[in-house]
C-alpha cells in the first residue's frame, strides 16, 4: 500500500516546479496502486474517451480500427475501448512501470516507451485511425500542448483524435492556458476540424472534465 491519497499523488506528479523526471519517479512508485486509487475516486475520463470514439466511428467495423493510446499509463482507456470491441490498440507511454501493469492484463498490442512532445516519435506518419488520451494534460511535467502536432502526424487523414482532462486546468495552469488557442490555430490552419467539445461533471470526484474530438484533415 502506498498510504497516499489521490490528491497527494497528483501533487507529486504535477505540482508547480515538478520536473519531468520527478513526475516519472512518482509514477514508478504509484503504478501498482494507480488503477485501484482512481477507481475509488470514480475516474470517468477513460470511459468518456472510449464512448466518444465508439459514437464517432460510423463507417468502419470497430474490430478494424487502429488506435494509439497516448500517455497510456496502466491501460485504463484500453480497458474501456475493449468493452466496445476495439482490439487493435497500441500504447505510447514513457513510464515502463505503468506499462508493466497494462502488460499484465494484455491490454495493448504494441508498447512504445516514449514521451510525446512536439518532436517526432518513432511511429510512422498516418499509422492510426484514432489517437486517444485521458488525463495526459495534468499541469506541470506532463504532455505539452505542442504534442498535438505529433498526434496529428500519426493519424490518417479523416481519422480522429479524442482527448480529455480536468477542465479547470484550462484556466489554472499556465501551461494549458495555451491549449485551446493552439487547438483553434490548428483548425484555422486546416490541420483538423472540431467534431465536439464537451464538459461533464465527475471526471474525478468534485472535478469537471473536458473532452475534445477532432477529425484530422
N, C-alpha and C. Protein backbone atom coordinates (compact mmCIF):
# COMPACT_ATOMS: atom_id res chain seq x y z
N UNK A 1 0.84 -1.21 0.00
CA UNK A 1 0.00 0.00 0.00
C UNK A 1 0.88 1.26 0.00
N UNK A 2 0.44 2.24 -0.76
CA UNK A 2 1.22 3.47 -0.83
C UNK A 2 1.00 4.36 0.38
N UNK A 3 -0.20 4.30 0.96
CA UNK A 3 -0.50 5.14 2.10
C UNK A 3 -0.80 6.57 1.74
N UNK A 4 -0.86 6.88 0.44
CA UNK A 4 -1.14 8.24 -0.01
C UNK A 4 -2.49 8.27 -0.72
N UNK A 5 -3.16 9.45 -0.64
CA UNK A 5 -4.40 9.58 -1.38
C UNK A 5 -4.12 10.16 -2.76
N UNK A 6 -5.18 10.17 -3.59
CA UNK A 6 -5.01 10.59 -4.97
C UNK A 6 -4.54 12.04 -5.06
N UNK A 7 -5.07 12.92 -4.21
CA UNK A 7 -4.66 14.32 -4.27
C UNK A 7 -3.17 14.48 -3.98
N UNK A 8 -2.66 13.67 -3.06
CA UNK A 8 -1.23 13.73 -2.77
C UNK A 8 -0.42 13.28 -3.97
N UNK A 9 -0.86 12.20 -4.61
CA UNK A 9 -0.14 11.72 -5.79
C UNK A 9 -0.21 12.73 -6.92
N UNK A 10 -1.37 13.35 -7.14
CA UNK A 10 -1.49 14.34 -8.20
C UNK A 10 -0.53 15.50 -7.96
N UNK A 11 -0.39 15.88 -6.70
CA UNK A 11 0.56 16.94 -6.35
C UNK A 11 2.00 16.51 -6.67
N UNK A 12 2.33 15.26 -6.39
CA UNK A 12 3.69 14.78 -6.63
C UNK A 12 4.02 14.68 -8.12
N UNK A 13 3.00 14.36 -8.95
CA UNK A 13 3.28 14.19 -10.37
C UNK A 13 3.13 15.48 -11.17
N UNK A 14 2.46 16.51 -10.59
CA UNK A 14 2.14 17.64 -11.45
C UNK A 14 2.12 19.01 -10.77
N UNK A 15 2.64 19.12 -9.56
CA UNK A 15 2.64 20.43 -8.89
C UNK A 15 3.60 21.38 -9.58
N UNK A 16 3.40 22.68 -9.36
CA UNK A 16 4.31 23.67 -9.92
C UNK A 16 5.75 23.35 -9.53
N UNK A 17 6.62 23.40 -10.51
CA UNK A 17 8.04 23.18 -10.24
C UNK A 17 8.49 21.74 -10.34
N UNK A 18 7.55 20.81 -10.45
CA UNK A 18 7.93 19.40 -10.59
C UNK A 18 8.53 19.17 -11.97
N UNK A 19 9.68 18.51 -12.02
CA UNK A 19 10.31 18.22 -13.30
C UNK A 19 9.72 16.94 -13.90
N UNK A 20 9.98 16.74 -15.18
CA UNK A 20 9.51 15.51 -15.83
C UNK A 20 10.08 14.29 -15.12
N UNK A 21 11.37 14.34 -14.74
CA UNK A 21 11.98 13.19 -14.08
C UNK A 21 11.35 12.93 -12.72
N UNK A 22 11.09 13.98 -11.96
CA UNK A 22 10.43 13.81 -10.66
C UNK A 22 9.03 13.22 -10.84
N UNK A 23 8.32 13.70 -11.84
CA UNK A 23 6.99 13.18 -12.11
C UNK A 23 7.05 11.70 -12.46
N UNK A 24 7.99 11.34 -13.32
CA UNK A 24 8.11 9.94 -13.73
C UNK A 24 8.52 9.05 -12.55
N UNK A 25 9.35 9.56 -11.68
CA UNK A 25 9.73 8.79 -10.49
C UNK A 25 8.52 8.53 -9.59
N UNK A 26 7.63 9.51 -9.49
CA UNK A 26 6.42 9.34 -8.69
C UNK A 26 5.51 8.29 -9.31
N UNK A 27 5.42 8.29 -10.63
CA UNK A 27 4.59 7.28 -11.31
C UNK A 27 5.12 5.86 -11.05
N UNK A 28 6.42 5.71 -10.98
CA UNK A 28 7.01 4.40 -10.68
C UNK A 28 6.49 3.89 -9.33
N UNK A 29 6.45 4.78 -8.35
CA UNK A 29 6.01 4.41 -7.01
C UNK A 29 4.50 4.17 -6.94
N UNK A 30 3.76 4.85 -7.81
CA UNK A 30 2.30 4.79 -7.76
C UNK A 30 1.72 3.67 -8.63
N UNK A 31 2.50 3.17 -9.58
CA UNK A 31 1.98 2.32 -10.64
C UNK A 31 1.12 1.16 -10.16
N UNK A 32 1.56 0.44 -9.13
CA UNK A 32 0.84 -0.78 -8.75
C UNK A 32 -0.48 -0.50 -8.03
N UNK A 33 -0.70 0.76 -7.61
CA UNK A 33 -1.96 1.10 -6.94
C UNK A 33 -2.75 2.14 -7.73
N UNK A 34 -2.25 2.49 -8.91
CA UNK A 34 -2.86 3.57 -9.70
C UNK A 34 -4.32 3.26 -10.05
N UNK A 35 -4.57 2.08 -10.61
CA UNK A 35 -5.93 1.73 -11.00
C UNK A 35 -6.86 1.70 -9.80
N UNK A 36 -6.40 1.10 -8.72
CA UNK A 36 -7.21 0.98 -7.51
C UNK A 36 -7.56 2.35 -6.94
N UNK A 37 -6.57 3.23 -6.90
CA UNK A 37 -6.80 4.57 -6.34
C UNK A 37 -7.78 5.37 -7.18
N UNK A 38 -7.64 5.31 -8.51
CA UNK A 38 -8.53 6.10 -9.35
C UNK A 38 -9.94 5.51 -9.38
N UNK A 39 -10.05 4.21 -9.22
CA UNK A 39 -11.38 3.61 -9.14
C UNK A 39 -12.12 4.12 -7.91
N UNK A 40 -11.41 4.29 -6.81
CA UNK A 40 -12.03 4.81 -5.58
C UNK A 40 -12.54 6.23 -5.78
N UNK A 41 -11.89 6.97 -6.68
CA UNK A 41 -12.28 8.36 -6.93
C UNK A 41 -13.17 8.49 -8.17
N UNK A 42 -13.72 7.36 -8.63
CA UNK A 42 -14.70 7.36 -9.73
C UNK A 42 -14.19 8.12 -10.95
N UNK A 43 -13.02 7.75 -11.42
CA UNK A 43 -12.40 8.40 -12.57
C UNK A 43 -13.15 8.02 -13.84
N UNK A 44 -13.78 8.99 -14.48
CA UNK A 44 -14.63 8.72 -15.64
C UNK A 44 -13.99 9.11 -16.97
N UNK A 45 -12.80 9.68 -16.94
CA UNK A 45 -12.15 10.12 -18.17
C UNK A 45 -11.98 9.01 -19.21
N UNK A 46 -11.43 7.87 -18.85
CA UNK A 46 -11.23 6.80 -19.85
C UNK A 46 -12.54 6.33 -20.47
N UNK A 47 -13.58 6.21 -19.68
CA UNK A 47 -14.87 5.81 -20.22
C UNK A 47 -15.44 6.83 -21.18
N UNK A 48 -15.26 8.11 -20.87
CA UNK A 48 -15.74 9.18 -21.74
C UNK A 48 -15.03 9.13 -23.09
N UNK A 49 -13.72 8.97 -23.07
CA UNK A 49 -12.95 8.89 -24.31
C UNK A 49 -13.42 7.70 -25.15
N UNK A 50 -13.55 6.54 -24.53
CA UNK A 50 -13.97 5.34 -25.26
C UNK A 50 -15.36 5.51 -25.86
N UNK A 51 -16.27 6.12 -25.12
CA UNK A 51 -17.63 6.32 -25.61
C UNK A 51 -17.65 7.26 -26.82
N UNK A 52 -16.85 8.33 -26.77
CA UNK A 52 -16.79 9.25 -27.90
C UNK A 52 -16.25 8.54 -29.13
N UNK A 53 -15.18 7.76 -28.95
CA UNK A 53 -14.64 7.02 -30.10
C UNK A 53 -15.71 6.12 -30.69
N UNK A 54 -16.40 5.37 -29.84
CA UNK A 54 -17.43 4.47 -30.33
C UNK A 54 -18.55 5.22 -31.06
N UNK A 55 -18.95 6.36 -30.54
CA UNK A 55 -20.03 7.13 -31.15
C UNK A 55 -19.63 7.72 -32.50
N UNK A 56 -18.33 8.00 -32.67
CA UNK A 56 -17.87 8.68 -33.88
C UNK A 56 -17.40 7.74 -34.98
N UNK A 57 -17.14 6.49 -34.64
CA UNK A 57 -16.72 5.51 -35.65
C UNK A 57 -17.98 4.95 -36.30
N UNK A 58 -18.31 5.48 -37.46
CA UNK A 58 -19.57 5.14 -38.10
C UNK A 58 -19.41 4.25 -39.33
N UNK A 59 -18.32 4.40 -40.06
CA UNK A 59 -18.19 3.73 -41.35
C UNK A 59 -17.12 2.65 -41.37
N UNK A 60 -16.73 2.19 -40.20
CA UNK A 60 -15.66 1.21 -40.12
C UNK A 60 -15.97 0.24 -38.98
N UNK A 61 -15.86 -1.07 -39.20
CA UNK A 61 -16.07 -2.02 -38.11
C UNK A 61 -15.07 -1.77 -36.97
N UNK A 62 -15.56 -1.76 -35.73
CA UNK A 62 -14.68 -1.42 -34.61
C UNK A 62 -13.49 -2.37 -34.52
N UNK A 63 -13.66 -3.61 -34.97
CA UNK A 63 -12.56 -4.56 -34.91
C UNK A 63 -11.42 -4.26 -35.84
N UNK A 64 -11.65 -3.36 -36.82
CA UNK A 64 -10.61 -2.99 -37.78
C UNK A 64 -9.90 -1.69 -37.43
N UNK A 65 -10.41 -0.95 -36.48
CA UNK A 65 -9.89 0.37 -36.16
C UNK A 65 -8.56 0.27 -35.42
N UNK A 66 -7.56 0.98 -35.91
CA UNK A 66 -6.24 1.01 -35.27
C UNK A 66 -6.15 2.26 -34.40
N UNK A 67 -5.86 2.04 -33.12
CA UNK A 67 -5.87 3.12 -32.13
C UNK A 67 -4.52 3.22 -31.45
N UNK A 68 -4.03 4.44 -31.28
CA UNK A 68 -2.86 4.71 -30.45
C UNK A 68 -3.33 5.45 -29.21
N UNK A 69 -3.11 4.86 -28.06
CA UNK A 69 -3.47 5.48 -26.79
C UNK A 69 -2.25 6.20 -26.23
N UNK A 70 -2.31 7.52 -26.24
CA UNK A 70 -1.19 8.37 -25.83
C UNK A 70 -1.23 8.59 -24.32
N UNK A 71 -0.05 8.60 -23.68
CA UNK A 71 0.02 8.68 -22.23
C UNK A 71 -0.84 7.57 -21.63
N UNK A 72 -0.60 6.37 -22.13
CA UNK A 72 -1.49 5.22 -21.87
C UNK A 72 -1.52 4.78 -20.42
N UNK A 73 -0.46 5.04 -19.68
CA UNK A 73 -0.43 4.65 -18.27
C UNK A 73 -0.61 3.16 -18.09
N UNK A 74 -1.53 2.78 -17.22
CA UNK A 74 -1.77 1.38 -16.92
C UNK A 74 -2.83 0.75 -17.83
N UNK A 75 -3.34 1.54 -18.78
CA UNK A 75 -4.26 0.98 -19.75
C UNK A 75 -5.73 1.21 -19.47
N UNK A 76 -6.08 2.23 -18.71
CA UNK A 76 -7.48 2.46 -18.37
C UNK A 76 -8.35 2.75 -19.60
N UNK A 77 -7.82 3.49 -20.55
CA UNK A 77 -8.58 3.77 -21.77
C UNK A 77 -8.76 2.48 -22.58
N UNK A 78 -7.71 1.69 -22.69
CA UNK A 78 -7.80 0.44 -23.44
C UNK A 78 -8.86 -0.49 -22.84
N UNK A 79 -8.94 -0.55 -21.53
CA UNK A 79 -9.96 -1.39 -20.89
C UNK A 79 -11.36 -0.98 -21.35
N UNK A 80 -11.58 0.32 -21.42
CA UNK A 80 -12.90 0.82 -21.82
C UNK A 80 -13.15 0.59 -23.32
N UNK A 81 -12.13 0.79 -24.13
CA UNK A 81 -12.27 0.57 -25.57
C UNK A 81 -12.60 -0.88 -25.88
N UNK A 82 -11.97 -1.79 -25.16
CA UNK A 82 -12.20 -3.22 -25.40
C UNK A 82 -13.65 -3.62 -25.10
N UNK A 83 -14.30 -2.91 -24.20
CA UNK A 83 -15.71 -3.19 -23.91
C UNK A 83 -16.59 -2.97 -25.13
N UNK A 84 -16.14 -2.09 -26.05
CA UNK A 84 -16.90 -1.79 -27.26
C UNK A 84 -16.42 -2.63 -28.45
N UNK A 85 -15.46 -3.51 -28.23
CA UNK A 85 -14.99 -4.38 -29.30
C UNK A 85 -13.74 -3.93 -30.02
N UNK A 86 -13.17 -2.78 -29.64
CA UNK A 86 -11.90 -2.36 -30.23
C UNK A 86 -10.79 -3.29 -29.75
N UNK A 87 -9.93 -3.71 -30.64
CA UNK A 87 -8.89 -4.65 -30.23
C UNK A 87 -7.49 -4.30 -30.75
N UNK A 88 -7.42 -3.48 -31.81
CA UNK A 88 -6.11 -3.09 -32.35
C UNK A 88 -5.67 -1.80 -31.67
N UNK A 89 -5.17 -1.91 -30.46
CA UNK A 89 -4.82 -0.76 -29.64
C UNK A 89 -3.35 -0.84 -29.25
N UNK A 90 -2.61 0.22 -29.52
CA UNK A 90 -1.21 0.33 -29.12
C UNK A 90 -1.08 1.39 -28.03
N UNK A 91 -0.02 1.30 -27.25
CA UNK A 91 0.23 2.24 -26.15
C UNK A 91 1.48 3.06 -26.41
N UNK A 92 1.39 4.34 -26.11
CA UNK A 92 2.57 5.21 -26.08
C UNK A 92 2.62 5.84 -24.69
N UNK A 93 3.69 5.55 -23.97
CA UNK A 93 3.76 5.93 -22.55
C UNK A 93 5.23 5.90 -22.11
N UNK A 94 5.72 6.95 -21.44
CA UNK A 94 7.13 6.97 -21.04
C UNK A 94 7.47 6.11 -19.83
N UNK A 95 6.48 5.75 -19.02
CA UNK A 95 6.75 5.03 -17.77
C UNK A 95 6.66 3.51 -17.98
N UNK A 96 7.79 2.86 -17.91
CA UNK A 96 7.80 1.40 -18.02
C UNK A 96 7.05 0.76 -16.87
N UNK A 97 7.08 1.39 -15.70
CA UNK A 97 6.38 0.84 -14.54
C UNK A 97 4.87 0.83 -14.77
N UNK A 98 4.35 1.89 -15.37
CA UNK A 98 2.93 1.94 -15.67
C UNK A 98 2.56 0.92 -16.75
N UNK A 99 3.38 0.84 -17.79
CA UNK A 99 3.10 -0.11 -18.85
C UNK A 99 3.19 -1.56 -18.37
N UNK A 100 4.02 -1.81 -17.39
CA UNK A 100 4.11 -3.16 -16.82
C UNK A 100 2.75 -3.62 -16.32
N UNK A 101 1.99 -2.69 -15.72
CA UNK A 101 0.65 -3.03 -15.23
C UNK A 101 -0.29 -3.31 -16.40
N UNK A 102 -0.17 -2.55 -17.48
CA UNK A 102 -1.01 -2.78 -18.66
C UNK A 102 -0.68 -4.13 -19.31
N UNK A 103 0.60 -4.47 -19.31
CA UNK A 103 1.01 -5.74 -19.92
C UNK A 103 0.45 -6.94 -19.16
N UNK A 104 0.31 -6.81 -17.87
CA UNK A 104 -0.24 -7.91 -17.07
C UNK A 104 -1.64 -8.29 -17.55
N UNK A 105 -2.39 -7.31 -18.03
CA UNK A 105 -3.76 -7.53 -18.49
C UNK A 105 -3.84 -7.67 -20.01
N UNK A 106 -2.69 -7.65 -20.70
CA UNK A 106 -2.64 -7.82 -22.16
C UNK A 106 -3.56 -6.81 -22.85
N UNK A 107 -3.42 -5.54 -22.48
CA UNK A 107 -4.33 -4.52 -22.97
C UNK A 107 -3.95 -3.94 -24.33
N UNK A 108 -2.69 -4.01 -24.70
CA UNK A 108 -2.22 -3.42 -25.95
C UNK A 108 -1.48 -4.45 -26.78
N UNK A 109 -1.35 -4.15 -28.08
CA UNK A 109 -0.58 -5.00 -28.97
C UNK A 109 0.88 -4.57 -28.96
N UNK A 110 1.12 -3.30 -29.22
CA UNK A 110 2.48 -2.75 -29.22
C UNK A 110 2.62 -1.71 -28.12
N UNK A 111 3.81 -1.65 -27.55
CA UNK A 111 4.09 -0.74 -26.44
C UNK A 111 5.27 0.15 -26.83
N UNK A 112 5.01 1.44 -26.99
CA UNK A 112 6.05 2.40 -27.30
C UNK A 112 6.41 3.16 -26.03
N UNK A 113 7.61 2.93 -25.52
CA UNK A 113 8.05 3.59 -24.29
C UNK A 113 8.68 4.92 -24.68
N UNK A 114 7.82 5.90 -24.88
CA UNK A 114 8.25 7.22 -25.36
C UNK A 114 7.38 8.30 -24.74
N UNK A 115 7.95 9.48 -24.64
CA UNK A 115 7.24 10.67 -24.17
C UNK A 115 6.83 11.47 -25.39
N UNK A 116 5.56 11.77 -25.53
CA UNK A 116 5.11 12.53 -26.69
C UNK A 116 5.27 14.03 -26.44
N UNK A 117 5.82 14.70 -27.44
CA UNK A 117 6.02 16.15 -27.37
C UNK A 117 5.89 16.68 -28.79
N UNK A 118 6.44 17.86 -29.05
CA UNK A 118 6.40 18.38 -30.41
C UNK A 118 7.36 17.64 -31.33
N UNK A 119 8.33 16.91 -30.76
CA UNK A 119 9.27 16.13 -31.56
C UNK A 119 8.63 14.85 -32.06
N UNK A 120 9.13 14.35 -33.16
CA UNK A 120 8.55 13.13 -33.72
C UNK A 120 8.92 11.91 -32.88
N UNK A 121 7.96 11.03 -32.70
CA UNK A 121 8.20 9.74 -32.09
C UNK A 121 8.74 8.79 -33.16
N UNK A 122 8.93 7.53 -32.79
CA UNK A 122 9.39 6.53 -33.76
C UNK A 122 8.25 6.00 -34.63
N UNK A 123 7.03 6.47 -34.38
CA UNK A 123 5.86 5.98 -35.10
C UNK A 123 5.77 6.65 -36.47
N UNK A 124 5.46 5.85 -37.48
CA UNK A 124 5.37 6.37 -38.84
C UNK A 124 4.16 7.28 -39.02
N UNK A 125 4.26 8.17 -39.97
CA UNK A 125 3.16 9.08 -40.30
C UNK A 125 1.93 8.30 -40.75
N UNK A 126 0.75 8.81 -40.38
CA UNK A 126 -0.54 8.26 -40.82
C UNK A 126 -0.68 6.76 -40.50
N UNK A 127 -0.28 6.38 -39.30
CA UNK A 127 -0.31 4.97 -38.90
C UNK A 127 -1.64 4.55 -38.29
N UNK A 128 -2.41 5.50 -37.76
CA UNK A 128 -3.57 5.14 -36.95
C UNK A 128 -4.86 5.81 -37.44
N UNK A 129 -5.96 5.13 -37.13
CA UNK A 129 -7.28 5.70 -37.40
C UNK A 129 -7.70 6.65 -36.28
N UNK A 130 -7.21 6.38 -35.08
CA UNK A 130 -7.62 7.16 -33.90
C UNK A 130 -6.43 7.30 -32.94
N UNK A 131 -6.29 8.48 -32.38
CA UNK A 131 -5.43 8.69 -31.21
C UNK A 131 -6.33 9.03 -30.03
N UNK A 132 -6.09 8.40 -28.89
CA UNK A 132 -6.83 8.70 -27.67
C UNK A 132 -5.87 9.19 -26.59
N UNK A 133 -6.44 9.89 -25.60
CA UNK A 133 -5.65 10.32 -24.45
C UNK A 133 -6.55 10.80 -23.34
N UNK A 134 -6.39 10.24 -22.16
CA UNK A 134 -7.16 10.66 -20.99
C UNK A 134 -6.22 11.00 -19.86
N UNK A 135 -6.35 12.23 -19.33
CA UNK A 135 -5.50 12.64 -18.22
C UNK A 135 -4.09 12.98 -18.62
N UNK A 136 -3.84 13.13 -19.91
CA UNK A 136 -2.48 13.43 -20.37
C UNK A 136 -2.07 14.86 -20.08
N UNK A 137 -3.07 15.75 -19.91
CA UNK A 137 -2.78 17.14 -19.54
C UNK A 137 -3.00 17.27 -18.04
N UNK A 138 -1.92 17.39 -17.30
CA UNK A 138 -2.04 17.39 -15.83
C UNK A 138 -1.09 18.41 -15.22
N UNK A 139 -1.24 19.65 -15.62
CA UNK A 139 -0.41 20.74 -15.12
C UNK A 139 1.04 20.53 -15.52
N UNK A 140 1.98 20.61 -14.59
CA UNK A 140 3.39 20.57 -14.96
C UNK A 140 3.86 19.14 -15.24
N UNK A 141 4.96 19.02 -15.99
CA UNK A 141 5.69 17.77 -16.20
C UNK A 141 4.86 16.70 -16.91
N UNK A 142 3.91 17.14 -17.72
CA UNK A 142 3.10 16.20 -18.49
C UNK A 142 3.14 16.57 -19.97
N UNK A 143 2.20 16.07 -20.73
CA UNK A 143 2.22 16.25 -22.17
C UNK A 143 2.08 17.74 -22.53
N UNK A 144 3.02 18.28 -23.31
CA UNK A 144 2.93 19.69 -23.69
C UNK A 144 1.86 19.93 -24.75
N UNK A 145 1.39 21.15 -24.82
CA UNK A 145 0.37 21.49 -25.82
C UNK A 145 0.84 21.15 -27.23
N UNK A 146 2.12 21.37 -27.49
CA UNK A 146 2.64 21.20 -28.84
C UNK A 146 2.66 19.74 -29.29
N UNK A 147 2.39 18.81 -28.37
CA UNK A 147 2.28 17.41 -28.76
C UNK A 147 1.13 17.17 -29.72
N UNK A 148 0.21 18.12 -29.81
CA UNK A 148 -0.90 17.98 -30.76
C UNK A 148 -0.39 17.81 -32.18
N UNK A 149 0.73 18.45 -32.51
CA UNK A 149 1.29 18.31 -33.85
C UNK A 149 1.67 16.86 -34.15
N UNK A 150 2.27 16.21 -33.18
CA UNK A 150 2.68 14.82 -33.36
C UNK A 150 1.47 13.89 -33.41
N UNK A 151 0.45 14.17 -32.62
CA UNK A 151 -0.77 13.36 -32.68
C UNK A 151 -1.38 13.44 -34.08
N UNK A 152 -1.43 14.63 -34.64
CA UNK A 152 -1.98 14.80 -35.98
C UNK A 152 -1.14 14.05 -37.00
N UNK A 153 0.17 14.08 -36.84
CA UNK A 153 1.07 13.44 -37.81
C UNK A 153 0.84 11.93 -37.90
N UNK A 154 0.56 11.29 -36.77
CA UNK A 154 0.47 9.82 -36.78
C UNK A 154 -0.94 9.31 -37.12
N UNK A 155 -1.91 10.23 -37.29
CA UNK A 155 -3.28 9.84 -37.62
C UNK A 155 -3.51 10.00 -39.12
N UNK A 156 -4.21 9.05 -39.70
CA UNK A 156 -4.56 9.11 -41.11
C UNK A 156 -5.52 10.27 -41.38
N UNK A 157 -5.46 10.87 -42.56
CA UNK A 157 -6.48 11.87 -42.91
C UNK A 157 -7.88 11.27 -42.77
N UNK A 158 -8.76 12.01 -42.11
CA UNK A 158 -10.09 11.52 -41.83
C UNK A 158 -10.21 10.81 -40.49
N UNK A 159 -9.05 10.53 -39.86
CA UNK A 159 -9.05 9.88 -38.55
C UNK A 159 -9.36 10.85 -37.43
N UNK A 160 -9.45 10.31 -36.22
CA UNK A 160 -9.90 11.09 -35.07
C UNK A 160 -8.84 11.20 -34.00
N UNK A 161 -8.89 12.31 -33.26
CA UNK A 161 -8.11 12.50 -32.03
C UNK A 161 -9.11 12.83 -30.94
N UNK A 162 -9.14 11.99 -29.90
CA UNK A 162 -10.11 12.14 -28.81
C UNK A 162 -9.33 12.24 -27.50
N UNK A 163 -9.47 13.37 -26.82
CA UNK A 163 -8.69 13.66 -25.62
C UNK A 163 -9.60 14.18 -24.52
N UNK A 164 -9.16 14.00 -23.26
CA UNK A 164 -9.89 14.62 -22.16
C UNK A 164 -8.96 14.91 -21.00
N UNK A 165 -9.41 15.81 -20.13
CA UNK A 165 -8.65 16.17 -18.95
C UNK A 165 -9.50 16.96 -17.97
N UNK A 166 -8.85 17.53 -16.96
CA UNK A 166 -9.56 18.34 -15.97
C UNK A 166 -9.85 19.72 -16.55
N UNK A 167 -11.10 20.14 -16.53
CA UNK A 167 -11.49 21.40 -17.14
C UNK A 167 -10.81 22.61 -16.51
N UNK A 168 -10.60 22.58 -15.21
CA UNK A 168 -10.05 23.77 -14.53
C UNK A 168 -8.64 24.09 -14.98
N UNK A 169 -7.91 23.11 -15.53
CA UNK A 169 -6.54 23.37 -15.96
C UNK A 169 -6.48 24.39 -17.09
N UNK A 170 -7.54 24.52 -17.86
CA UNK A 170 -7.54 25.46 -18.98
C UNK A 170 -7.43 26.90 -18.50
N UNK A 171 -7.81 27.14 -17.24
CA UNK A 171 -7.67 28.47 -16.65
C UNK A 171 -6.59 28.54 -15.59
N UNK A 172 -6.38 27.43 -14.87
CA UNK A 172 -5.50 27.45 -13.70
C UNK A 172 -4.03 27.14 -14.02
N UNK A 173 -3.78 26.49 -15.13
CA UNK A 173 -2.42 26.09 -15.47
C UNK A 173 -1.84 27.04 -16.52
N UNK A 174 -0.68 27.60 -16.22
CA UNK A 174 -0.01 28.46 -17.20
C UNK A 174 0.32 27.67 -18.47
N UNK A 175 0.62 26.39 -18.30
CA UNK A 175 0.93 25.54 -19.45
C UNK A 175 -0.29 25.37 -20.34
N UNK A 176 -1.44 25.04 -19.74
CA UNK A 176 -2.60 24.66 -20.54
C UNK A 176 -3.57 25.79 -20.85
N UNK A 177 -3.25 27.00 -20.40
CA UNK A 177 -3.98 28.16 -20.90
C UNK A 177 -3.80 28.30 -22.41
N UNK A 178 -2.71 27.74 -22.91
CA UNK A 178 -2.40 27.82 -24.35
C UNK A 178 -3.01 26.68 -25.15
N UNK A 179 -3.63 25.71 -24.47
CA UNK A 179 -4.06 24.50 -25.17
C UNK A 179 -5.17 24.78 -26.19
N UNK A 180 -6.27 25.36 -25.74
CA UNK A 180 -7.37 25.58 -26.68
C UNK A 180 -7.05 26.63 -27.74
N UNK A 181 -6.30 27.70 -27.42
CA UNK A 181 -5.86 28.58 -28.50
C UNK A 181 -5.06 27.84 -29.58
N UNK A 182 -4.21 26.90 -29.17
CA UNK A 182 -3.47 26.12 -30.15
C UNK A 182 -4.41 25.20 -30.94
N UNK A 183 -5.38 24.60 -30.25
CA UNK A 183 -6.37 23.79 -30.96
C UNK A 183 -7.09 24.60 -32.03
N UNK A 184 -7.46 25.83 -31.68
CA UNK A 184 -8.14 26.71 -32.64
C UNK A 184 -7.23 27.07 -33.80
N UNK A 185 -5.95 27.31 -33.51
CA UNK A 185 -5.00 27.65 -34.58
C UNK A 185 -4.84 26.48 -35.55
N UNK A 186 -4.75 25.27 -35.00
CA UNK A 186 -4.62 24.10 -35.86
C UNK A 186 -5.85 23.93 -36.75
N UNK A 187 -7.00 24.33 -36.22
CA UNK A 187 -8.21 24.26 -37.03
C UNK A 187 -8.19 25.33 -38.13
N UNK A 188 -7.78 26.54 -37.78
CA UNK A 188 -7.71 27.60 -38.78
C UNK A 188 -6.65 27.31 -39.84
N UNK A 189 -5.61 26.55 -39.43
CA UNK A 189 -4.56 26.13 -40.38
C UNK A 189 -4.97 24.90 -41.18
N UNK A 190 -6.20 24.41 -40.95
CA UNK A 190 -6.77 23.27 -41.67
C UNK A 190 -5.97 21.98 -41.45
N UNK A 191 -5.48 21.83 -40.23
CA UNK A 191 -4.83 20.58 -39.85
C UNK A 191 -5.86 19.57 -39.35
N UNK A 192 -6.93 20.09 -38.74
CA UNK A 192 -8.03 19.26 -38.25
C UNK A 192 -9.28 20.12 -38.12
N UNK A 193 -10.40 19.46 -37.83
CA UNK A 193 -11.63 20.21 -37.57
C UNK A 193 -12.30 19.64 -36.33
N UNK A 194 -12.93 20.54 -35.57
CA UNK A 194 -13.57 20.14 -34.33
C UNK A 194 -14.85 19.37 -34.61
N UNK A 195 -14.98 18.21 -33.94
CA UNK A 195 -16.19 17.41 -34.01
C UNK A 195 -17.06 17.69 -32.79
N UNK A 196 -16.41 17.75 -31.62
CA UNK A 196 -17.16 18.08 -30.41
C UNK A 196 -16.22 18.56 -29.31
N UNK A 197 -16.79 19.31 -28.40
CA UNK A 197 -16.16 19.70 -27.15
C UNK A 197 -17.23 19.55 -26.08
N UNK A 198 -16.93 18.83 -25.02
CA UNK A 198 -17.94 18.54 -24.01
C UNK A 198 -17.36 18.70 -22.61
N UNK A 199 -18.08 19.38 -21.74
CA UNK A 199 -17.73 19.46 -20.32
C UNK A 199 -18.74 18.61 -19.56
N UNK A 200 -18.25 17.81 -18.65
CA UNK A 200 -19.15 16.98 -17.85
C UNK A 200 -18.67 16.92 -16.41
N UNK A 201 -19.61 16.75 -15.46
CA UNK A 201 -19.24 16.67 -14.05
C UNK A 201 -18.72 15.28 -13.69
N UNK A 202 -17.88 15.23 -12.68
CA UNK A 202 -17.45 13.94 -12.17
C UNK A 202 -16.34 13.27 -12.95
N UNK A 203 -15.45 14.06 -13.55
CA UNK A 203 -14.23 13.49 -14.15
C UNK A 203 -13.47 12.73 -13.07
N UNK A 204 -13.26 13.39 -11.95
CA UNK A 204 -12.93 12.79 -10.66
C UNK A 204 -13.95 13.38 -9.68
N UNK A 205 -14.02 12.85 -8.50
CA UNK A 205 -14.99 13.36 -7.54
C UNK A 205 -14.82 14.86 -7.34
N UNK A 206 -15.89 15.61 -7.63
CA UNK A 206 -15.86 17.05 -7.42
C UNK A 206 -15.12 17.84 -8.48
N UNK A 207 -14.70 17.19 -9.57
CA UNK A 207 -13.92 17.86 -10.61
C UNK A 207 -14.59 17.64 -11.96
N UNK A 208 -14.85 18.74 -12.69
CA UNK A 208 -15.41 18.63 -14.03
C UNK A 208 -14.34 18.21 -15.02
N UNK A 209 -14.77 17.46 -16.03
CA UNK A 209 -13.88 17.09 -17.11
C UNK A 209 -14.21 17.84 -18.38
N UNK A 210 -13.25 17.90 -19.30
CA UNK A 210 -13.50 18.45 -20.63
C UNK A 210 -12.93 17.46 -21.64
N UNK A 211 -13.72 17.20 -22.68
CA UNK A 211 -13.32 16.27 -23.73
C UNK A 211 -13.40 16.95 -25.08
N UNK A 212 -12.48 16.55 -25.96
CA UNK A 212 -12.47 17.07 -27.32
C UNK A 212 -12.39 15.92 -28.31
N UNK A 213 -13.03 16.10 -29.44
CA UNK A 213 -12.84 15.18 -30.57
C UNK A 213 -12.58 16.03 -31.81
N UNK A 214 -11.49 15.74 -32.50
CA UNK A 214 -11.12 16.42 -33.74
C UNK A 214 -10.91 15.40 -34.85
N UNK A 215 -11.28 15.78 -36.04
CA UNK A 215 -11.00 14.95 -37.22
C UNK A 215 -9.82 15.54 -37.99
N UNK A 216 -8.84 14.70 -38.25
CA UNK A 216 -7.63 15.13 -38.97
C UNK A 216 -7.96 15.33 -40.44
N UNK A 217 -7.45 16.41 -41.02
CA UNK A 217 -7.72 16.75 -42.42
C UNK A 217 -6.55 16.35 -43.31
